[in-house]
Structures are given as structure tokens and as C-alpha cells.
């Protein structure tokens, strides 16, 4: 769906992303792995149009401009941008209105989907960090996206909530064929979710590899070790 070519972002002497090349295929789940400062969030911000690349380009398989294709994408980058003095539904109505979705029943369904259907008149400022993360995901789904980009979606979510969110994301991928691109410091969650892994270090894409390739290599490694015994 998306092809990234020679994408670079420089801030004076600091290169946040250096000559990145990637392909994102429809229906896959991409886990973007790397330490803090590796360039993951910079990549996501350029995909969202929040940061202008120094050089390089992002191309779409439909030959649409990236500006038009962003209407088919949902984003939650860093912390969700929410109105603290409003309820979850009021936030959804504002975000949904921006994205062209004003039907209250659909917005309420999205809140139920992420486990916030019973928050009622509770203000967002009273939400836990995990609840805000859930609301951010619901907002990202308001445009019925084909591609969902989530930066640390599990941040602050309790263990039970992580399992629920994982099942939600897997369901969105399986039932709606939404392509997911997400980062997380909880590597075990990326392992359970992802069909493909993108490894980023010091602003460079080190490798993009499928789960099948990783499992095949591990099997080969263990076989060699057994034979060595």
C-alpha cells in the first residue's frame, strides 16, 4: 500500500531518520522495533504529515498523493491529543467531525470496541493513562481507516487491558483487513501481534523481516545446535 524511498529527516546536525526504504503491504501487521531515539516516531510523523521530510518520498500503490491517501489512514502518535474537560463521546464527536464521521451511534460503537462504552459523563481528565490510550485508538478509527498507525498503543495499559487491546487489533486486521503499523517497548506484544518486523537503530532501517522468516531461521538454528550435540 505504501512505499518509502530514501526518506530522510535532519534537524541541524542530528539525523533522526537516514535514507529509509520500506514497503508496507495491505493486510499485514508491522511491528516497528527500536530503542528510544531510533527514529520510529519521526517515521510515523512523516507518514502523518506532521513533519516534512528533508529528502525522499512516500508513494502509494493507488498513485494518489500522500495528502489524499492520509484520509484512509488513522494515527495515534506519542500521547493522544484529547480535550481533558470533555467526555469520551464529546471527544469522539469533535475528532469524528474533523474526519467526516458525525453519526453518534457509530462513534459510540467505537468506544464500546475499545472498552470505553460505559464512561458516560466522566471527563477525560479523570481517565487513567490506559483509558486515554484506548480513547486515542478509538479516535484513530473514526475515519474507518485502511491503515492504522499506532505509536506505543500499549503504554500505560494494565495487563488485562493489553490482552483486550491485542484482541481488538487482531480483530481489526482479520475482520476489516486493516493494515497495522505499530511500535511498542513491550516486545512480547509485538511478537504476538506482528506478521512482519521492522528493526530501526540510530535513524536507519536495519532490516524488515517476516515472522515466517524469523521462525524459519530459529528452527534452522536449533536444528544445528541439536546436531552439534
Protein backbone atom coordinates (compact mmCIF):
# COMPACT_ATOMS: atom_id res chain seq x y z
CA UNK A 1 0.00 0.00 0.00
CA UNK A 2 2.84 2.38 0.86
CA UNK A 3 6.41 2.56 -0.35
CA UNK A 4 9.01 4.67 1.44
CA UNK A 5 12.04 5.67 -0.62
CA UNK A 6 15.21 7.29 0.69
CA UNK A 7 13.22 9.03 3.42
CA UNK A 8 15.44 11.32 5.48
CA UNK A 9 14.83 13.84 8.24
CA UNK A 10 17.60 16.07 9.56
CA UNK A 11 17.44 18.55 12.43
CA UNK A 12 20.54 20.74 12.02
CA UNK A 13 23.39 18.31 12.83
CA UNK A 14 21.12 15.50 14.01
CA UNK A 15 19.77 12.96 11.54
CA UNK A 16 16.59 11.49 13.00
CA UNK A 17 15.89 9.22 10.01
CA UNK A 18 18.52 8.35 7.43
CA UNK A 19 17.70 7.19 3.91
CA UNK A 20 14.89 4.82 4.92
CA UNK A 21 13.46 2.33 2.41
CA UNK A 22 10.37 0.30 3.31
CA UNK A 23 7.29 -1.32 1.82
CA UNK A 24 4.03 -1.77 3.72
CA UNK A 25 1.73 -4.40 2.22
CA UNK A 26 -2.04 -4.49 2.60
CA UNK A 27 -3.39 -6.64 5.41
CA UNK A 28 -0.08 -7.08 7.23
CA UNK A 29 0.73 -6.09 10.81
CA UNK A 30 4.09 -4.36 11.11
CA UNK A 31 5.87 -4.17 14.44
CA UNK A 32 8.46 -1.38 14.41
CA UNK A 33 11.22 -2.21 16.89
CA UNK A 34 13.99 0.04 18.18
CA UNK A 35 15.31 1.89 21.25
CA UNK A 36 14.29 5.41 22.23
CA UNK A 37 15.58 7.90 19.70
CA UNK A 38 15.92 5.29 16.95
CA UNK A 39 13.64 7.22 14.56
CA UNK A 40 10.35 5.35 14.94
CA UNK A 41 8.22 8.34 15.91
CA UNK A 42 9.89 10.54 13.28
CA UNK A 43 8.92 7.97 10.65
CA UNK A 44 5.32 7.94 11.88
CA UNK A 45 5.14 11.74 11.97
CA UNK A 46 6.28 11.98 8.36
CA UNK A 47 3.68 9.41 7.36
CA UNK A 48 1.04 11.52 9.13
CA UNK A 49 2.23 14.75 7.52
CA UNK A 50 3.20 16.29 10.85
CA UNK A 51 6.86 16.54 9.87
CA UNK A 52 8.22 17.45 6.44
CA UNK A 53 10.98 15.14 5.12
CA UNK A 54 14.37 16.64 4.38
CA UNK A 55 14.51 14.36 1.35
CA UNK A 56 12.91 11.20 -0.01
CA UNK A 57 9.27 10.34 -0.63
CA UNK A 58 6.29 8.22 0.40
CA UNK A 59 4.43 6.65 -2.52
CA UNK A 60 1.01 4.97 -2.62
CA UNK A 61 0.06 1.89 -4.62
CA UNK A 62 -3.03 3.73 -5.90
CA UNK A 63 -0.98 6.61 -7.32
CA UNK A 64 -2.87 9.00 -5.05
CA UNK A 65 -0.95 11.81 -3.44
CA UNK A 66 0.04 11.09 0.13
CA UNK A 67 -2.16 14.02 1.18
CA UNK A 68 -5.23 12.29 -0.27
CA UNK A 69 -4.22 8.84 0.96
CA UNK A 70 -3.99 10.11 4.56
CA UNK A 71 -7.80 10.30 4.51
CA UNK A 72 -7.66 6.48 4.51
CA UNK A 73 -5.30 6.36 7.49
CA UNK A 74 -5.73 6.66 11.24
CA UNK A 75 -2.96 7.81 13.56
CA UNK A 76 -2.12 7.85 17.23
CA UNK A 77 1.39 9.23 17.65
CA UNK A 78 3.01 9.73 21.05
CA UNK A 79 0.31 10.83 23.52
CA UNK A 80 -3.30 11.04 22.31
CA UNK A 81 -4.42 14.63 21.66
CA UNK A 82 -7.60 14.90 23.74
CA UNK A 83 -9.80 17.54 25.38
CA UNK A 84 -9.47 16.88 29.10
CA UNK A 85 -12.62 18.76 30.14
CA UNK A 86 -14.84 16.75 27.80
CA UNK A 87 -16.21 13.22 27.92
CA UNK A 88 -15.02 10.39 25.69
CA UNK A 89 -18.05 10.77 23.41
CA UNK A 90 -17.62 14.54 23.15
CA UNK A 91 -14.02 13.99 22.12
CA UNK A 92 -15.14 11.44 19.57
CA UNK A 93 -17.69 13.87 18.12
CA UNK A 94 -15.02 16.53 17.62
CA UNK A 95 -12.50 14.13 16.08
CA UNK A 96 -15.19 12.37 14.10
CA UNK A 97 -16.46 15.70 12.77
CA UNK A 98 -12.98 16.58 11.56
CA UNK A 99 -12.75 13.23 9.79
CA UNK A 100 -16.27 13.39 8.36
CA UNK A 101 -17.95 10.92 10.74
CA UNK A 102 -20.78 12.53 12.70
CA UNK A 103 -23.10 9.59 13.35
CA UNK A 104 -23.30 9.28 17.13
CA UNK A 105 -24.22 5.59 17.11
CA UNK A 106 -21.06 4.70 15.15
CA UNK A 107 -18.87 6.76 17.47
CA UNK A 108 -20.48 5.05 20.49
CA UNK A 109 -19.75 1.67 18.89
CA UNK A 110 -16.09 2.56 18.56
CA UNK A 111 -16.00 3.49 22.25
CA UNK A 112 -17.55 0.12 23.13
CA UNK A 113 -15.00 -1.58 20.89
CA UNK A 114 -12.09 -0.21 22.96
CA UNK A 115 -13.82 -0.80 26.30
CA UNK A 116 -14.97 2.77 26.99
CA UNK A 117 -18.67 2.36 26.31
CA UNK A 118 -19.69 2.90 29.93
CA UNK A 119 -17.67 6.02 30.79
CA UNK A 120 -20.76 8.25 30.42
CA UNK A 121 -20.23 11.80 31.71
CA UNK A 122 -16.80 11.10 33.16
CA UNK A 123 -14.31 13.73 31.97
CA UNK A 124 -11.13 12.65 30.20
CA UNK A 125 -9.02 14.39 32.86
CA UNK A 126 -10.29 11.70 35.25
CA UNK A 127 -9.18 8.88 32.92
CA UNK A 128 -6.17 6.71 33.62
CA UNK A 129 -3.33 6.74 31.10
CA UNK A 130 -4.53 3.41 29.76
CA UNK A 131 -8.05 4.76 29.22
CA UNK A 132 -6.63 7.73 27.33
CA UNK A 133 -4.69 5.33 25.12
CA UNK A 134 -7.91 3.45 24.37
CA UNK A 135 -9.70 6.69 23.53
CA UNK A 136 -6.83 7.69 21.26
CA UNK A 137 -7.22 4.42 19.36
CA UNK A 138 -10.98 4.95 19.07
CA UNK A 139 -10.35 8.45 17.65
CA UNK A 140 -7.89 7.00 15.14
CA UNK A 141 -10.63 4.60 13.99
CA UNK A 142 -13.21 7.36 13.46
CA UNK A 143 -12.39 7.71 9.76
CA UNK A 144 -12.81 3.95 9.11
CA UNK A 145 -9.17 3.71 8.01
CA UNK A 146 -7.48 1.19 5.75
CA UNK A 147 -4.16 1.79 7.53
CA UNK A 148 -3.78 2.34 11.28
CA UNK A 149 -0.50 3.76 12.65
CA UNK A 150 -0.11 3.48 16.42
CA UNK A 151 2.88 4.71 18.41
CA UNK A 152 3.15 2.81 21.72
CA UNK A 153 -0.57 1.89 21.94
CA UNK A 154 0.01 -0.32 25.00
CA UNK A 155 1.64 2.47 27.02
CA UNK A 156 0.11 2.66 30.50
CA UNK A 157 -2.40 -0.13 29.87
CA UNK A 158 -2.74 -2.77 32.60
CA UNK A 159 -2.05 -6.45 31.74
CA UNK A 160 -5.73 -7.33 31.33
CA UNK A 161 -6.25 -4.28 29.13
CA UNK A 162 -3.23 -5.21 27.00
CA UNK A 163 -4.81 -8.58 26.21
CA UNK A 164 -8.08 -6.86 25.29
CA UNK A 165 -6.34 -4.32 23.05
CA UNK A 166 -4.33 -7.06 21.39
CA UNK A 167 -7.52 -8.93 20.56
CA UNK A 168 -9.13 -5.72 19.25
CA UNK A 169 -6.18 -5.01 16.95
CA UNK A 170 -6.08 -8.59 15.69
CA UNK A 171 -9.82 -8.43 15.02
CA UNK A 172 -9.48 -5.15 13.08
CA UNK A 173 -6.79 -6.73 10.97
CA UNK A 174 -8.63 -10.00 10.37
CA UNK A 175 -12.23 -8.80 10.02
CA UNK A 176 -11.67 -5.43 8.31
CA UNK A 177 -8.32 -6.14 6.63
CA UNK A 178 -6.83 -3.01 8.21
CA UNK A 179 -3.08 -2.75 7.80
CA UNK A 180 -1.48 -2.06 11.17
CA UNK A 181 1.84 -0.28 11.73
CA UNK A 182 2.76 -0.05 15.40
CA UNK A 183 5.64 0.39 17.78
CA UNK A 184 5.95 -0.83 21.34
CA UNK A 185 8.58 -1.31 24.01
CA UNK A 186 6.68 -4.44 25.05
CA UNK A 187 8.43 -6.75 22.60
CA UNK A 188 6.39 -9.77 23.65
CA UNK A 189 3.25 -7.96 22.46
CA UNK A 190 4.77 -7.14 19.08
CA UNK A 191 5.75 -10.80 18.80
CA UNK A 192 2.14 -11.87 19.42
CA UNK A 193 0.68 -9.29 17.04
CA UNK A 194 3.02 -8.81 14.11
CA UNK A 195 3.27 -10.57 10.77
CA UNK A 196 6.39 -8.51 9.94
CA UNK A 197 9.09 -6.75 11.96
CA UNK A 198 10.94 -3.54 11.10
CA UNK A 199 14.16 -3.03 13.05
CA UNK A 200 15.33 0.58 13.46
CA UNK A 201 18.57 1.79 15.04
CA UNK A 202 20.17 5.24 15.08
CA UNK A 203 17.85 6.51 12.36
CA UNK A 204 18.49 3.63 9.97
CA UNK A 205 16.23 0.78 8.93
CA UNK A 206 18.34 -2.26 9.76
CA UNK A 207 16.02 -4.89 8.39
CA UNK A 208 12.40 -5.72 7.60
CA UNK A 209 11.66 -9.40 8.03
CA UNK A 210 8.52 -11.53 8.14
CA UNK A 211 7.53 -13.71 11.08
CA UNK A 212 7.86 -16.78 8.85
CA UNK A 213 11.47 -15.90 8.01
CA UNK A 214 12.33 -15.40 11.67
CA UNK A 215 10.71 -18.67 12.73
CA UNK A 216 12.41 -20.49 9.84
CA UNK A 217 15.81 -19.15 10.86
CA UNK A 218 15.21 -20.08 14.50
CA UNK A 219 14.22 -23.61 13.52
CA UNK A 220 17.37 -23.93 11.43
CA UNK A 221 19.47 -22.65 14.33
CA UNK A 222 18.01 -25.12 16.82
CA UNK A 223 18.43 -28.00 14.39
CA UNK A 224 22.10 -27.17 14.01
CA UNK A 225 22.54 -26.98 17.77
CA UNK A 226 20.88 -30.37 18.24
CA UNK A 227 23.06 -31.94 15.56
CA UNK A 228 26.11 -30.38 17.24
CA UNK A 229 25.27 -32.19 20.47
